Protein backbone atom coordinates (compact mmCIF):
# COMPACT_ATOMS: atom_id res chain seq x y z
CA MET A 1 -206.85 -117.40 41.31
CA GLU A 2 -209.74 -115.57 39.67
CA ARG A 3 -212.98 -115.22 41.62
CA LYS A 4 -215.91 -116.77 39.75
CA SER A 5 -218.74 -116.23 42.22
CA MET A 6 -220.88 -113.11 42.35
CA THR A 7 -223.08 -111.53 45.02
CA VAL A 8 -226.72 -110.54 44.54
CA LYS A 9 -225.69 -106.93 43.90
CA GLU A 10 -223.00 -107.96 41.40
CA ILE A 11 -225.30 -110.31 39.46
CA ALA A 12 -228.05 -107.67 39.40
CA THR A 13 -225.62 -105.20 37.85
CA TYR A 14 -224.33 -107.88 35.46
CA LEU A 15 -227.87 -108.65 34.27
CA GLY A 16 -229.11 -105.06 34.42
CA VAL A 17 -231.96 -105.73 36.84
CA HIS A 18 -232.86 -104.67 40.39
CA THR A 19 -231.59 -106.69 43.35
CA ASP A 20 -235.21 -107.41 44.35
CA THR A 21 -235.64 -109.20 41.02
CA ILE A 22 -232.60 -111.38 41.74
CA TYR A 23 -233.84 -112.26 45.24
CA LYS A 24 -237.24 -113.25 43.80
CA MET A 25 -235.67 -115.30 41.00
CA ALA A 26 -233.40 -117.11 43.48
CA LYS A 27 -236.30 -117.80 45.85
CA GLU A 28 -238.32 -119.30 42.99
CA ASN A 29 -235.27 -121.22 41.64
CA GLU A 30 -235.45 -119.38 38.32
CA ILE A 31 -231.72 -118.62 38.27
CA PRO A 32 -228.83 -120.92 39.24
CA HIS A 33 -227.44 -120.02 42.66
CA PHE A 34 -225.97 -121.49 45.82
CA ARG A 35 -225.78 -120.49 49.45
CA VAL A 36 -222.83 -120.23 51.80
CA ARG A 37 -223.89 -119.68 55.41
CA GLY A 38 -227.15 -118.18 54.20
CA LYS A 39 -225.53 -115.80 51.71
CA ILE A 40 -226.82 -116.17 48.15
CA LEU A 41 -224.04 -116.45 45.57
CA PHE A 42 -223.96 -117.05 41.84
CA SER A 43 -221.40 -118.82 39.68
CA GLN A 44 -220.66 -116.61 36.70
CA ASP A 45 -220.15 -119.68 34.51
CA ALA A 46 -223.52 -121.15 35.55
CA VAL A 47 -225.31 -117.82 34.99
CA ASP A 48 -223.67 -117.41 31.57
CA ALA A 49 -224.84 -120.92 30.62
CA TRP A 50 -228.34 -120.11 31.95
CA ILE A 51 -228.39 -116.94 29.80
CA ARG A 52 -227.45 -118.97 26.70
CA ASP A 53 -230.25 -121.44 27.49
CA GLN A 54 -232.73 -118.56 27.89
CA GLU A 55 -231.75 -117.18 24.48
CA LEU A 56 -232.53 -120.53 22.84
CA GLN A 57 -236.07 -120.73 24.22
């Protein structure tokens, strides 16, 4: 089974931004994310859809 969730560090690398930016975006609900026992995770599918939506604006 392929893993589809990404950590803060992985999503920061994926998007080409600093991890601090990702923490701020998650805190302000600017990027789709979820938490498991306090750990912030990102669904790659949800982030890819969010990127497509951002491109259309």
